């Protein structure tokens, strides 16, 4: 049995529409999907119960909050053991500068997306919050010049 619920074309359209604008009213969503508002409400509720829709988030422009420089930090943790990575992950997730944290395969163990005020703030973050930690063996930094949002995430279509 699959953990993936069966999604029909109407469900996929609802997901596409909500990923483009999660603030749509149910009435507008129903009209755009071509269904009745009560049907739309039921479908969205079913998608939430099934775990397909997992939340709604407000996106904020970091530059408008004084964090106009974004970077990716590739972090190597040594030794890479569970008792060290748990506290490391919680510490990084608790940093105000952290935007996203990824556990990776390959030479780097973590990729951390951060937003800071400027290069001096980035240097402070790297030195005080990362390389000062005993489990952090190496940090490489990449500045983000520009980023783009991509289209909505939908399931693969059968071949």
Protein backbone atom coordinates (compact mmCIF):
# COMPACT_ATOMS: atom_id res chain seq x y z
CA UNK A 1 0.00 0.00 0.00
CA UNK A 2 1.33 3.44 -0.94
CA UNK A 3 1.60 6.35 1.48
CA UNK A 4 0.80 8.66 -1.42
CA UNK A 5 -2.91 9.45 -1.71
CA UNK A 6 -4.56 9.22 -5.11
CA UNK A 7 -4.75 12.73 -6.55
CA UNK A 8 -7.05 13.50 -9.44
CA UNK A 9 -6.69 16.46 -11.84
CA UNK A 10 -8.86 18.69 -9.62
CA UNK A 11 -6.66 17.97 -6.59
CA UNK A 12 -3.57 18.78 -8.65
CA UNK A 13 -5.12 22.05 -9.81
CA UNK A 14 -5.95 22.99 -6.22
CA UNK A 15 -2.34 22.26 -5.21
CA UNK A 16 -0.97 24.27 -8.12
CA UNK A 17 -3.21 27.23 -7.33
CA UNK A 18 -2.49 27.22 -3.59
CA UNK A 19 1.28 26.95 -4.14
CA UNK A 20 1.10 30.06 -6.29
CA UNK A 21 -1.10 31.95 -3.79
CA UNK A 22 -1.86 30.30 -0.46
CA UNK A 23 -3.99 33.31 0.56
CA UNK A 24 -6.71 32.62 -2.03
CA UNK A 25 -10.16 32.55 -0.54
CA UNK A 26 -12.02 29.26 -0.80
CA UNK A 27 -14.51 30.93 -3.13
CA UNK A 28 -11.74 32.12 -5.50
CA UNK A 29 -9.96 28.78 -5.30
CA UNK A 30 -13.16 26.91 -6.12
CA UNK A 31 -13.90 29.18 -9.08
CA UNK A 32 -10.36 28.81 -10.44
CA UNK A 33 -10.51 25.01 -10.03
CA UNK A 34 -13.98 24.84 -11.58
CA UNK A 35 -15.74 23.26 -8.61
CA UNK A 36 -18.29 24.26 -5.98
CA UNK A 37 -16.96 26.05 -2.87
CA UNK A 38 -18.22 23.25 -0.55
CA UNK A 39 -16.46 20.64 -2.71
CA UNK A 40 -13.30 22.73 -2.69
CA UNK A 41 -13.37 23.05 1.10
CA UNK A 42 -13.79 19.28 1.44
CA UNK A 43 -10.93 18.57 -0.97
CA UNK A 44 -8.54 20.97 0.77
CA UNK A 45 -9.46 19.41 4.14
CA UNK A 46 -8.81 15.92 2.70
CA UNK A 47 -5.44 17.05 1.31
CA UNK A 48 -4.52 18.40 4.76
CA UNK A 49 -5.60 15.19 6.54
CA UNK A 50 -3.59 13.13 4.06
CA UNK A 51 -0.49 15.23 4.78
CA UNK A 52 -0.22 16.52 1.21
CA UNK A 53 -0.76 20.11 2.39
CA UNK A 54 1.45 20.54 5.43
CA UNK A 55 1.09 24.24 6.21
CA UNK A 56 1.14 27.79 5.03
CA UNK A 57 4.02 30.19 5.45
CA UNK A 58 4.57 33.86 5.12
CA UNK A 59 7.60 34.75 2.98
CA UNK A 60 9.59 37.78 4.07
CA UNK A 61 12.17 39.76 2.11
CA UNK A 62 15.35 39.44 4.23
CA UNK A 63 16.76 42.69 2.81
CA UNK A 64 13.75 44.61 4.17
CA UNK A 65 14.69 43.31 7.62
CA UNK A 66 18.30 44.45 7.39
CA UNK A 67 19.60 41.07 6.21
CA UNK A 68 20.50 41.89 2.62
CA UNK A 69 23.35 39.38 2.28
CA UNK A 70 22.49 35.70 1.95
CA UNK A 71 24.98 32.85 1.86
CA UNK A 72 25.27 29.08 1.83
CA UNK A 73 27.59 27.52 4.39
CA UNK A 74 28.90 24.03 3.68
CA UNK A 75 29.78 22.53 7.07
CA UNK A 76 31.79 19.41 7.81
CA UNK A 77 31.26 17.90 11.27
CA UNK A 78 33.87 15.56 12.74
CA UNK A 79 33.36 13.08 14.12
CA UNK A 80 30.01 12.67 12.41
CA UNK A 81 28.21 10.93 15.26
CA UNK A 82 24.59 11.16 16.39
CA UNK A 83 25.45 12.50 19.84
CA UNK A 84 27.23 15.48 18.23
CA UNK A 85 24.92 16.21 15.33
CA UNK A 86 21.74 16.46 17.41
CA UNK A 87 22.98 19.44 19.45
CA UNK A 88 24.63 20.95 16.36
CA UNK A 89 21.37 20.81 14.39
CA UNK A 90 19.38 22.35 17.25
CA UNK A 91 21.94 25.13 17.69
CA UNK A 92 21.94 26.00 13.96
CA UNK A 93 18.12 25.88 13.80
CA UNK A 94 18.03 28.31 16.74
CA UNK A 95 20.23 30.93 15.10
CA UNK A 96 18.31 34.02 13.96
CA UNK A 97 20.39 34.05 10.76
CA UNK A 98 19.45 30.50 9.72
CA UNK A 99 16.93 30.23 6.88
CA UNK A 100 17.25 26.50 6.06
CA UNK A 101 19.39 23.56 7.10
CA UNK A 102 20.07 20.44 5.03
CA UNK A 103 21.82 17.20 6.06
CA UNK A 104 23.84 16.00 3.05
CA UNK A 105 25.83 13.14 1.64
CA UNK A 106 29.32 13.74 0.27
CA UNK A 107 32.27 15.67 1.69
CA UNK A 108 30.06 18.26 3.42
CA UNK A 109 27.65 17.13 6.11
CA UNK A 110 25.39 20.18 6.23
CA UNK A 111 24.30 23.04 4.00
CA UNK A 112 23.06 26.07 5.91
CA UNK A 113 21.26 28.94 4.17
CA UNK A 114 21.79 32.13 6.18
CA UNK A 115 20.74 35.78 5.89
CA UNK A 116 22.95 38.44 7.47
CA UNK A 117 23.41 42.20 7.36
CA UNK A 118 26.76 42.32 5.53
CA UNK A 119 30.11 40.58 5.12
CA UNK A 120 31.27 41.57 8.61
CA UNK A 121 28.12 40.01 10.05
CA UNK A 122 28.73 36.88 7.95
CA UNK A 123 32.31 36.67 9.21
CA UNK A 124 31.09 37.03 12.82
CA UNK A 125 28.51 34.29 12.28
CA UNK A 126 31.01 31.86 10.75
CA UNK A 127 33.68 32.48 13.39
CA UNK A 128 31.49 32.74 16.48
CA UNK A 129 28.73 30.25 15.73
CA UNK A 130 30.34 27.65 13.48
CA UNK A 131 34.15 27.35 13.49
CA UNK A 132 34.28 27.94 17.25
CA UNK A 133 32.30 24.73 17.82
CA UNK A 134 34.55 21.73 18.55
CA UNK A 135 32.61 19.37 16.24
CA UNK A 136 32.90 21.68 13.22
CA UNK A 137 35.95 20.65 11.18
CA UNK A 138 35.44 22.95 8.18
CA UNK A 139 33.13 25.66 6.83
CA UNK A 140 33.03 26.86 3.23
CA UNK A 141 30.99 29.92 2.37
CA UNK A 142 29.23 30.79 -0.88
CA UNK A 143 27.47 34.13 -1.33
CA UNK A 144 24.07 34.11 -3.01
CA UNK A 145 23.90 36.79 -5.71
CA UNK A 146 20.32 36.08 -6.76
CA UNK A 147 17.67 33.43 -6.29
CA UNK A 148 14.45 32.50 -8.08
CA UNK A 149 11.32 30.73 -6.97
CA UNK A 150 10.42 27.76 -9.11
CA UNK A 151 7.06 26.37 -10.11
CA UNK A 152 4.66 24.46 -7.89
CA UNK A 153 5.61 20.95 -6.79
CA UNK A 154 3.29 18.33 -8.26
CA UNK A 155 3.64 14.54 -8.54
CA UNK A 156 5.34 12.96 -11.52
CA UNK A 157 3.02 12.15 -14.38
CA UNK A 158 3.04 8.47 -15.35
CA UNK A 159 5.08 7.74 -18.48
